[in-house]
Amino acid sequence: MKVLLHTCCGPCASGVIPWFRAQGLDFVSYYYNPNIHPFSEYEKRRLNLEEVARILNFEVLYSIDWEVERWINNFSSEERCSNCIFIRLERTAKLAKDLGFDAFSTTLSISPYQSLEIIKNCFEEISNKYKIDHVFKNFRSLYQDSIKFSKENGIYRQHYCGCIISEYNMLMKKRARGDKI
């Protein structure tokens, strides 16, 4: 089975890629994350993914579209997290279909901070809409592996999902603890 793997960042990829290989799945990573703010953070994560891909030797397709306007249009919605996940997975499914892949997947489910229910619901809706299979797995058991890999290889690990709201929430938690912002 050939899978287009939506990849949120290098650290998450480092935990998930070995699983795909162990399953014998043919995959290509796809970096499309218009939610990441500011652009310097977007680029930092992209460059980190390039480094992880070099170390683990896998192919990555990079979207040249930052499309921040598309994300901002969903910004004020109470469903911003599900909209954000849906936008990224839908784009991945469309590209997978166009390029002749059998299925699509994501690294998002390795994070203990992402909703597995939202991810699973998005997969099901998008798979039905575009008539393409998906590979959904709870990769959280691999999260500590991704932390270890990042530390061993000097890979930057971000402290928020990418959107400006999550960055703000992270900074306010630091402030509440008395940490320097």
N, C-alpha and C. Protein backbone atom coordinates (compact mmCIF):
# COMPACT_ATOMS: atom_id res chain seq x y z
N MET A 1 0.85 -1.17 0.00
CA MET A 1 0.00 0.00 0.00
C MET A 1 0.89 1.24 0.00
N LYS A 2 0.60 2.18 -0.89
CA LYS A 2 1.35 3.43 -0.97
C LYS A 2 0.56 4.52 -0.26
N VAL A 3 1.20 5.16 0.74
CA VAL A 3 0.53 6.11 1.63
C VAL A 3 1.19 7.48 1.56
N LEU A 4 0.37 8.53 1.43
CA LEU A 4 0.86 9.89 1.56
C LEU A 4 0.65 10.28 3.02
N LEU A 5 1.74 10.56 3.71
CA LEU A 5 1.74 10.79 5.15
C LEU A 5 1.83 12.27 5.47
N HIS A 6 0.70 12.87 5.84
CA HIS A 6 0.75 14.26 6.29
C HIS A 6 1.68 14.32 7.50
N THR A 7 2.63 15.23 7.45
CA THR A 7 3.65 15.32 8.49
C THR A 7 3.64 16.71 9.09
N CYS A 8 3.34 16.78 10.37
CA CYS A 8 3.25 18.08 11.04
C CYS A 8 4.62 18.66 11.37
N CYS A 9 5.59 17.79 11.68
CA CYS A 9 6.91 18.28 12.07
C CYS A 9 7.90 17.10 12.10
N GLY A 10 9.17 17.44 12.19
CA GLY A 10 10.21 16.43 12.25
C GLY A 10 10.15 15.52 13.46
N PRO A 11 9.99 16.08 14.67
CA PRO A 11 9.94 15.20 15.84
C PRO A 11 8.83 14.16 15.76
N CYS A 12 7.63 14.56 15.34
CA CYS A 12 6.54 13.59 15.23
C CYS A 12 6.83 12.55 14.15
N ALA A 13 7.44 13.01 13.04
CA ALA A 13 7.81 12.08 11.98
C ALA A 13 8.81 11.04 12.49
N SER A 14 9.74 11.47 13.33
CA SER A 14 10.77 10.55 13.82
C SER A 14 10.19 9.40 14.62
N GLY A 15 9.04 9.61 15.24
CA GLY A 15 8.39 8.53 15.97
C GLY A 15 7.55 7.63 15.10
N VAL A 16 6.94 8.21 14.07
CA VAL A 16 5.97 7.48 13.24
C VAL A 16 6.64 6.72 12.08
N ILE A 17 7.66 7.30 11.48
CA ILE A 17 8.31 6.70 10.30
C ILE A 17 8.77 5.26 10.56
N PRO A 18 9.43 4.96 11.68
CA PRO A 18 9.83 3.57 11.92
C PRO A 18 8.64 2.60 11.93
N TRP A 19 7.49 3.04 12.42
CA TRP A 19 6.29 2.19 12.42
C TRP A 19 5.86 1.89 10.99
N PHE A 20 5.82 2.90 10.13
CA PHE A 20 5.43 2.69 8.73
C PHE A 20 6.37 1.70 8.06
N ARG A 21 7.65 1.84 8.33
CA ARG A 21 8.63 0.91 7.74
C ARG A 21 8.43 -0.50 8.28
N ALA A 22 8.18 -0.63 9.57
CA ALA A 22 7.98 -1.96 10.18
C ALA A 22 6.75 -2.65 9.62
N GLN A 23 5.75 -1.87 9.20
CA GLN A 23 4.53 -2.44 8.61
C GLN A 23 4.71 -2.75 7.13
N GLY A 24 5.84 -2.37 6.56
CA GLY A 24 6.10 -2.60 5.14
C GLY A 24 5.32 -1.66 4.23
N LEU A 25 4.89 -0.52 4.76
CA LEU A 25 4.12 0.43 3.97
C LEU A 25 5.06 1.32 3.16
N ASP A 26 4.71 1.53 1.91
CA ASP A 26 5.42 2.44 1.03
C ASP A 26 4.83 3.83 1.28
N PHE A 27 5.63 4.77 1.71
CA PHE A 27 5.07 6.07 2.08
C PHE A 27 5.94 7.21 1.57
N VAL A 28 5.31 8.36 1.43
CA VAL A 28 5.98 9.62 1.17
C VAL A 28 5.42 10.61 2.17
N SER A 29 6.28 11.38 2.78
CA SER A 29 5.87 12.39 3.75
C SER A 29 5.41 13.64 3.00
N TYR A 30 4.45 14.36 3.58
CA TYR A 30 3.92 15.59 2.97
C TYR A 30 3.81 16.67 4.03
N TYR A 31 4.53 17.77 3.83
CA TYR A 31 4.53 18.89 4.77
C TYR A 31 3.59 19.97 4.27
N TYR A 32 2.43 20.06 4.90
CA TYR A 32 1.44 21.11 4.60
C TYR A 32 0.82 21.52 5.93
N ASN A 33 1.18 22.70 6.39
CA ASN A 33 0.77 23.16 7.72
C ASN A 33 0.55 24.67 7.75
N PRO A 34 -0.56 25.14 7.15
CA PRO A 34 -0.82 26.57 7.07
C PRO A 34 -1.19 27.19 8.42
N ASN A 35 -1.34 26.36 9.43
CA ASN A 35 -1.71 26.84 10.76
C ASN A 35 -0.54 27.44 11.53
N ILE A 36 0.68 27.17 11.10
CA ILE A 36 1.85 27.53 11.89
C ILE A 36 2.16 29.03 11.77
N HIS A 37 2.24 29.66 12.92
CA HIS A 37 2.55 31.09 13.01
C HIS A 37 3.71 31.28 13.98
N PRO A 38 4.53 32.25 13.82
CA PRO A 38 4.71 33.09 12.64
C PRO A 38 5.43 32.31 11.55
N PHE A 39 5.72 32.98 10.43
CA PHE A 39 6.38 32.31 9.32
C PHE A 39 7.74 31.77 9.73
N SER A 40 8.44 32.45 10.61
CA SER A 40 9.75 31.96 11.06
C SER A 40 9.62 30.61 11.76
N GLU A 41 8.53 30.40 12.49
CA GLU A 41 8.28 29.10 13.13
C GLU A 41 7.96 28.04 12.08
N TYR A 42 7.17 28.42 11.07
CA TYR A 42 6.84 27.53 9.96
C TYR A 42 8.12 27.03 9.29
N GLU A 43 9.02 27.97 9.01
CA GLU A 43 10.28 27.63 8.35
C GLU A 43 11.17 26.78 9.25
N LYS A 44 11.21 27.09 10.53
CA LYS A 44 12.03 26.32 11.47
C LYS A 44 11.56 24.86 11.49
N ARG A 45 10.25 24.66 11.50
CA ARG A 45 9.72 23.29 11.51
C ARG A 45 9.98 22.58 10.19
N ARG A 46 9.89 23.33 9.09
CA ARG A 46 10.17 22.74 7.78
C ARG A 46 11.63 22.29 7.70
N LEU A 47 12.53 23.15 8.13
CA LEU A 47 13.95 22.82 8.10
C LEU A 47 14.27 21.64 9.02
N ASN A 48 13.62 21.56 10.16
CA ASN A 48 13.81 20.42 11.05
C ASN A 48 13.32 19.13 10.42
N LEU A 49 12.21 19.20 9.69
CA LEU A 49 11.73 18.01 8.99
C LEU A 49 12.74 17.58 7.93
N GLU A 50 13.34 18.54 7.22
CA GLU A 50 14.37 18.20 6.25
C GLU A 50 15.51 17.43 6.91
N GLU A 51 15.91 17.87 8.10
CA GLU A 51 17.00 17.21 8.82
C GLU A 51 16.59 15.79 9.26
N VAL A 52 15.39 15.64 9.76
CA VAL A 52 14.91 14.31 10.16
C VAL A 52 14.83 13.40 8.94
N ALA A 53 14.35 13.93 7.82
CA ALA A 53 14.26 13.14 6.59
C ALA A 53 15.66 12.70 6.12
N ARG A 54 16.63 13.58 6.28
CA ARG A 54 18.01 13.23 5.91
C ARG A 54 18.52 12.10 6.81
N ILE A 55 18.30 12.23 8.11
CA ILE A 55 18.79 11.23 9.07
C ILE A 55 18.11 9.88 8.85
N LEU A 56 16.79 9.89 8.69
CA LEU A 56 16.03 8.64 8.56
C LEU A 56 15.84 8.20 7.11
N ASN A 57 16.30 9.02 6.18
CA ASN A 57 16.27 8.69 4.76
C ASN A 57 14.87 8.40 4.23
N PHE A 58 14.03 9.43 4.20
CA PHE A 58 12.71 9.30 3.58
C PHE A 58 12.40 10.54 2.75
N GLU A 59 11.51 10.35 1.80
CA GLU A 59 11.13 11.42 0.87
C GLU A 59 10.05 12.31 1.48
N VAL A 60 10.18 13.62 1.22
CA VAL A 60 9.19 14.58 1.68
C VAL A 60 8.76 15.46 0.51
N LEU A 61 7.46 15.61 0.36
CA LEU A 61 6.91 16.62 -0.55
C LEU A 61 6.57 17.83 0.30
N TYR A 62 6.99 19.00 -0.16
CA TYR A 62 6.73 20.23 0.60
C TYR A 62 5.73 21.09 -0.16
N SER A 63 4.67 21.47 0.51
CA SER A 63 3.73 22.41 -0.08
C SER A 63 4.41 23.78 -0.09
N ILE A 64 4.31 24.46 -1.22
CA ILE A 64 4.87 25.81 -1.28
C ILE A 64 3.85 26.85 -0.82
N ASP A 65 2.68 26.38 -0.46
CA ASP A 65 1.60 27.27 -0.03
C ASP A 65 1.56 27.35 1.49
N TRP A 66 1.84 28.52 2.03
CA TRP A 66 1.68 28.72 3.47
C TRP A 66 0.20 28.92 3.76
N GLU A 67 -0.52 29.60 2.89
CA GLU A 67 -1.98 29.78 2.94
C GLU A 67 -2.49 30.23 4.31
N VAL A 68 -1.79 31.16 4.90
CA VAL A 68 -2.18 31.62 6.23
C VAL A 68 -3.59 32.22 6.22
N GLU A 69 -3.99 32.82 5.10
CA GLU A 69 -5.33 33.41 5.03
C GLU A 69 -6.42 32.35 5.21
N ARG A 70 -6.19 31.19 4.62
CA ARG A 70 -7.17 30.11 4.75
C ARG A 70 -7.34 29.71 6.21
N TRP A 71 -6.24 29.63 6.92
CA TRP A 71 -6.32 29.25 8.32
C TRP A 71 -6.98 30.35 9.14
N ILE A 72 -6.61 31.59 8.89
CA ILE A 72 -7.17 32.71 9.65
C ILE A 72 -8.68 32.79 9.47
N ASN A 73 -9.18 32.42 8.30
CA ASN A 73 -10.62 32.42 8.07
C ASN A 73 -11.35 31.47 9.02
N ASN A 74 -10.68 30.47 9.53
CA ASN A 74 -11.26 29.53 10.48
C ASN A 74 -10.85 29.85 11.92
N PHE A 75 -10.14 30.93 12.07
CA PHE A 75 -9.51 31.30 13.33
C PHE A 75 -10.48 31.52 14.48
N SER A 76 -11.55 32.27 14.24
CA SER A 76 -12.43 32.63 15.34
C SER A 76 -13.44 31.55 15.70
N SER A 77 -13.51 30.54 14.89
CA SER A 77 -14.46 29.47 15.12
C SER A 77 -14.15 28.71 16.40
N GLU A 78 -15.20 28.31 17.09
CA GLU A 78 -15.00 27.47 18.27
C GLU A 78 -14.44 26.10 17.87
N GLU A 79 -14.57 25.78 16.62
CA GLU A 79 -14.09 24.49 16.12
C GLU A 79 -12.75 24.66 15.40
N ARG A 80 -11.93 25.60 15.83
CA ARG A 80 -10.69 25.89 15.10
C ARG A 80 -9.77 24.68 15.02
N CYS A 81 -9.69 23.87 16.08
CA CYS A 81 -8.80 22.70 16.05
C CYS A 81 -9.28 21.68 15.02
N SER A 82 -10.57 21.38 15.02
CA SER A 82 -11.07 20.41 14.04
C SER A 82 -10.98 20.98 12.63
N ASN A 83 -11.23 22.28 12.45
CA ASN A 83 -11.08 22.89 11.13
C ASN A 83 -9.64 22.81 10.66
N CYS A 84 -8.72 23.07 11.56
CA CYS A 84 -7.30 23.04 11.23
C CYS A 84 -6.86 21.64 10.79
N ILE A 85 -7.26 20.64 11.54
CA ILE A 85 -6.92 19.26 11.18
C ILE A 85 -7.59 18.88 9.87
N PHE A 86 -8.86 19.24 9.71
CA PHE A 86 -9.59 18.89 8.49
C PHE A 86 -8.93 19.50 7.26
N ILE A 87 -8.56 20.78 7.32
CA ILE A 87 -7.92 21.46 6.19
C ILE A 87 -6.67 20.71 5.76
N ARG A 88 -5.85 20.33 6.71
CA ARG A 88 -4.58 19.67 6.39
C ARG A 88 -4.79 18.25 5.87
N LEU A 89 -5.70 17.51 6.48
CA LEU A 89 -5.94 16.14 6.01
C LEU A 89 -6.67 16.11 4.68
N GLU A 90 -7.58 17.05 4.47
CA GLU A 90 -8.27 17.10 3.18
C GLU A 90 -7.29 17.39 2.05
N ARG A 91 -6.40 18.34 2.27
CA ARG A 91 -5.40 18.66 1.25
C ARG A 91 -4.52 17.44 0.98
N THR A 92 -4.16 16.71 2.01
CA THR A 92 -3.34 15.51 1.86
C THR A 92 -4.08 14.44 1.07
N ALA A 93 -5.35 14.23 1.38
CA ALA A 93 -6.15 13.22 0.66
C ALA A 93 -6.30 13.58 -0.81
N LYS A 94 -6.57 14.84 -1.10
CA LYS A 94 -6.70 15.27 -2.51
C LYS A 94 -5.41 15.01 -3.27
N LEU A 95 -4.28 15.39 -2.67
CA LEU A 95 -3.00 15.18 -3.33
C LEU A 95 -2.70 13.69 -3.48
N ALA A 96 -3.00 12.92 -2.47
CA ALA A 96 -2.79 11.46 -2.54
C ALA A 96 -3.58 10.88 -3.70
N LYS A 97 -4.82 11.28 -3.82
CA LYS A 97 -5.68 10.79 -4.91
C LYS A 97 -5.10 11.21 -6.27
N ASP A 98 -4.72 12.48 -6.38
CA ASP A 98 -4.18 13.00 -7.64
C ASP A 98 -2.88 12.31 -8.05
N LEU A 99 -2.07 11.93 -7.08
CA LEU A 99 -0.76 11.32 -7.37
C LEU A 99 -0.81 9.80 -7.42
N GLY A 100 -1.99 9.21 -7.23
CA GLY A 100 -2.14 7.77 -7.35
C GLY A 100 -1.77 6.97 -6.11
N PHE A 101 -1.77 7.60 -4.95
CA PHE A 101 -1.54 6.87 -3.71
C PHE A 101 -2.78 6.05 -3.37
N ASP A 102 -2.60 5.01 -2.58
CA ASP A 102 -3.72 4.16 -2.16
C ASP A 102 -4.43 4.71 -0.92
N ALA A 103 -3.69 5.48 -0.11
CA ALA A 103 -4.24 5.95 1.16
C ALA A 103 -3.48 7.19 1.63
N PHE A 104 -4.02 7.79 2.67
CA PHE A 104 -3.35 8.92 3.31
C PHE A 104 -3.36 8.69 4.82
N SER A 105 -2.44 9.37 5.50
CA SER A 105 -2.34 9.23 6.95
C SER A 105 -1.76 10.52 7.52
N THR A 106 -1.48 10.53 8.81
CA THR A 106 -0.90 11.70 9.46
C THR A 106 -0.05 11.31 10.66
N THR A 107 0.90 12.17 10.97
CA THR A 107 1.71 12.01 12.17
C THR A 107 1.05 12.65 13.39
N LEU A 108 -0.02 13.40 13.19
CA LEU A 108 -0.66 14.15 14.28
C LEU A 108 -1.05 13.27 15.47
N SER A 109 -1.39 12.03 15.21
CA SER A 109 -1.91 11.18 16.29
C SER A 109 -0.82 10.66 17.24
N ILE A 110 0.43 11.07 17.03
CA ILE A 110 1.48 10.73 18.01
C ILE A 110 1.43 11.68 19.20
N SER A 111 0.87 12.85 18.99
CA SER A 111 0.88 13.88 20.03
C SER A 111 -0.20 13.66 21.09
N PRO A 112 0.19 13.70 22.36
CA PRO A 112 -0.82 13.60 23.41
C PRO A 112 -1.67 14.86 23.52
N TYR A 113 -1.32 15.89 22.75
CA TYR A 113 -2.04 17.16 22.79
C TYR A 113 -3.08 17.29 21.69
N GLN A 114 -3.14 16.33 20.78
CA GLN A 114 -4.11 16.35 19.69
C GLN A 114 -5.27 15.41 20.03
N SER A 115 -6.45 15.76 19.58
CA SER A 115 -7.64 14.93 19.83
C SER A 115 -7.71 13.78 18.83
N LEU A 116 -7.58 12.57 19.33
CA LEU A 116 -7.70 11.40 18.46
C LEU A 116 -9.09 11.30 17.85
N GLU A 117 -10.09 11.69 18.61
CA GLU A 117 -11.47 11.64 18.12
C GLU A 117 -11.65 12.58 16.93
N ILE A 118 -11.12 13.79 17.02
CA ILE A 118 -11.21 14.73 15.90
C ILE A 118 -10.47 14.19 14.69
N ILE A 119 -9.26 13.68 14.90
CA ILE A 119 -8.47 13.14 13.79
C ILE A 119 -9.22 12.00 13.12
N LYS A 120 -9.73 11.06 13.91
CA LYS A 120 -10.45 9.91 13.36
C LYS A 120 -11.69 10.36 12.59
N ASN A 121 -12.46 11.29 13.14
CA ASN A 121 -13.65 11.79 12.45
C ASN A 121 -13.30 12.47 11.13
N CYS A 122 -12.23 13.24 11.12
CA CYS A 122 -11.78 13.88 9.88
C CYS A 122 -11.39 12.83 8.85
N PHE A 123 -10.63 11.82 9.26
CA PHE A 123 -10.25 10.74 8.35
C PHE A 123 -11.48 10.11 7.70
N GLU A 124 -12.45 9.75 8.51
CA GLU A 124 -13.64 9.07 8.00
C GLU A 124 -14.41 9.94 7.01
N GLU A 125 -14.61 11.20 7.36
CA GLU A 125 -15.35 12.10 6.47
C GLU A 125 -14.60 12.32 5.16
N ILE A 126 -13.31 12.55 5.24
CA ILE A 126 -12.52 12.82 4.04
C ILE A 126 -12.38 11.57 3.18
N SER A 127 -12.17 10.42 3.80
CA SER A 127 -12.08 9.15 3.04
C SER A 127 -13.35 8.90 2.24
N ASN A 128 -14.49 9.11 2.88
CA ASN A 128 -15.77 8.93 2.19
C ASN A 128 -15.95 9.93 1.07
N LYS A 129 -15.59 11.17 1.32
CA LYS A 129 -15.76 12.24 0.33
C LYS A 129 -14.90 12.01 -0.91
N TYR A 130 -13.65 11.61 -0.72
CA TYR A 130 -12.72 11.47 -1.84
C TYR A 130 -12.49 10.03 -2.28
N LYS A 131 -13.18 9.10 -1.66
CA LYS A 131 -13.07 7.68 -2.04
C LYS A 131 -11.61 7.22 -2.05
N ILE A 132 -10.95 7.46 -0.92
CA ILE A 132 -9.57 7.02 -0.74
C ILE A 132 -9.43 6.47 0.68
N ASP A 133 -8.65 5.41 0.81
CA ASP A 133 -8.44 4.79 2.13
C ASP A 133 -7.56 5.68 3.01
N HIS A 134 -7.61 5.42 4.30
CA HIS A 134 -6.74 6.12 5.23
C HIS A 134 -6.13 5.12 6.20
N VAL A 135 -5.00 5.51 6.76
CA VAL A 135 -4.34 4.72 7.78
C VAL A 135 -4.42 5.54 9.06
N PHE A 136 -5.29 5.12 9.97
CA PHE A 136 -5.40 5.80 11.26
C PHE A 136 -4.87 4.88 12.34
N LYS A 137 -3.97 5.43 13.14
CA LYS A 137 -3.43 4.67 14.27
C LYS A 137 -3.12 5.66 15.39
N ASN A 138 -3.38 5.23 16.59
CA ASN A 138 -2.97 6.00 17.76
C ASN A 138 -1.48 5.71 17.97
N PHE A 139 -0.65 6.69 17.61
CA PHE A 139 0.81 6.53 17.69
C PHE A 139 1.38 7.02 19.02
N ARG A 140 0.54 7.31 19.99
CA ARG A 140 1.03 7.93 21.23
C ARG A 140 2.06 7.08 21.97
N SER A 141 2.00 5.78 21.79
CA SER A 141 3.00 4.91 22.44
C SER A 141 4.41 5.18 21.90
N LEU A 142 4.50 5.88 20.77
CA LEU A 142 5.79 6.20 20.16
C LEU A 142 6.28 7.61 20.50
N TYR A 143 5.49 8.34 21.28
CA TYR A 143 5.81 9.74 21.59
C TYR A 143 7.16 9.87 22.29
N GLN A 144 7.42 9.02 23.28
CA GLN A 144 8.70 9.09 24.00
C GLN A 144 9.88 8.77 23.08
N ASP A 145 9.66 7.90 22.09
CA ASP A 145 10.71 7.61 21.10
C ASP A 145 11.06 8.87 20.33
N SER A 146 10.04 9.68 19.99
CA SER A 146 10.29 10.91 19.24
C SER A 146 11.06 11.92 20.08
N ILE A 147 10.78 11.97 21.37
CA ILE A 147 11.52 12.87 22.26
C ILE A 147 12.99 12.44 22.34
N LYS A 148 13.20 11.14 22.51
CA LYS A 148 14.57 10.60 22.59
C LYS A 148 15.34 10.89 21.30
N PHE A 149 14.71 10.63 20.15
CA PHE A 149 15.34 10.87 18.86
C PHE A 149 15.74 12.35 18.74
N SER A 150 14.82 13.23 19.10
CA SER A 150 15.08 14.67 18.99
C SER A 150 16.27 15.09 19.86
N LYS A 151 16.31 14.60 21.08
CA LYS A 151 17.42 14.93 21.98
C LYS A 151 18.75 14.40 21.44
N GLU A 152 18.74 13.17 20.98
CA GLU A 152 19.97 12.54 20.47
C GLU A 152 20.50 13.22 19.22
N ASN A 153 19.60 13.82 18.43
CA ASN A 153 19.99 14.40 17.14
C ASN A 153 19.92 15.93 17.11
N GLY A 154 19.67 16.55 18.25
CA GLY A 154 19.62 18.01 18.31
C GLY A 154 18.49 18.62 17.50
N ILE A 155 17.36 17.93 17.46
CA ILE A 155 16.20 18.40 16.69
C ILE A 155 15.32 19.28 17.58
N TYR A 156 14.99 20.44 17.08
CA TYR A 156 14.12 21.38 17.79
C TYR A 156 12.74 20.77 18.01
N ARG A 157 12.26 20.87 19.25
CA ARG A 157 10.91 20.42 19.60
C ARG A 157 10.11 21.65 20.00
N GLN A 158 9.06 21.91 19.28
CA GLN A 158 8.22 23.08 19.56
C GLN A 158 7.37 22.84 20.79
N HIS A 159 6.86 23.94 21.35
CA HIS A 159 6.07 23.85 22.58
C HIS A 159 4.61 24.25 22.38
N TYR A 160 4.18 24.32 21.13
CA TYR A 160 2.78 24.59 20.83
C TYR A 160 2.47 24.02 19.46
N CYS A 161 1.18 23.79 19.19
CA CYS A 161 0.79 23.09 17.96
C CYS A 161 1.16 23.87 16.71
N GLY A 162 1.18 25.18 16.82
CA GLY A 162 1.55 25.99 15.66
C GLY A 162 0.70 27.23 15.50
N CYS A 163 -0.55 27.16 15.91
CA CYS A 163 -1.42 28.32 15.71
C CYS A 163 -1.15 29.39 16.75
N ILE A 164 -1.54 30.60 16.43
CA ILE A 164 -1.28 31.73 17.30
C ILE A 164 -2.01 31.59 18.64
N ILE A 165 -3.18 30.97 18.63
CA ILE A 165 -3.92 30.76 19.89
C ILE A 165 -3.16 29.79 20.79
N SER A 166 -2.64 28.71 20.22
CA SER A 166 -1.91 27.75 21.06
C SER A 166 -0.60 28.35 21.56
N GLU A 167 0.03 29.20 20.74
CA GLU A 167 1.24 29.88 21.20
C GLU A 167 0.90 30.80 22.38
N TYR A 168 -0.17 31.55 22.25
CA TYR A 168 -0.62 32.44 23.33
C TYR A 168 -0.89 31.64 24.61
N ASN A 169 -1.61 30.53 24.48
CA ASN A 169 -1.92 29.70 25.65
C ASN A 169 -0.66 29.17 26.32
N MET A 170 0.31 28.77 25.51
CA MET A 170 1.58 28.27 26.04
C MET A 170 2.31 29.37 26.79
N LEU A 171 2.33 30.58 26.23
CA LEU A 171 3.01 31.70 26.89
C LEU A 171 2.32 32.09 28.20
N MET A 172 1.00 32.03 28.23
CA MET A 172 0.27 32.37 29.45
C MET A 172 0.52 31.34 30.55
N LYS A 173 0.65 30.06 30.17
CA LYS A 173 0.98 29.03 31.15
C LYS A 173 2.37 29.27 31.74
N LYS A 174 3.32 29.65 30.86
CA LYS A 174 4.67 29.96 31.34
C LYS A 174 4.63 31.13 32.32
N ARG A 175 3.88 32.16 31.95
CA ARG A 175 3.78 33.34 32.81
C ARG A 175 3.18 32.96 34.17
N ALA A 176 2.13 32.14 34.15
CA ALA A 176 1.46 31.73 35.39
C ALA A 176 2.41 30.95 36.31
N ARG A 177 3.34 30.20 35.71
CA ARG A 177 4.33 29.46 36.50
C ARG A 177 5.48 30.35 36.97
N GLY A 178 5.50 31.58 36.46
CA GLY A 178 6.58 32.50 36.80
C GLY A 178 7.79 32.35 35.92
N ASP A 179 7.66 31.58 34.82
CA ASP A 179 8.76 31.41 33.88
C ASP A 179 8.95 32.68 33.05
N LYS A 180 10.15 32.89 32.58
CA LYS A 180 10.44 34.02 31.71
C LYS A 180 9.83 33.77 30.33
N ILE A 181 9.19 34.80 29.81
CA ILE A 181 8.56 34.67 28.48
C ILE A 181 9.47 35.30 27.45
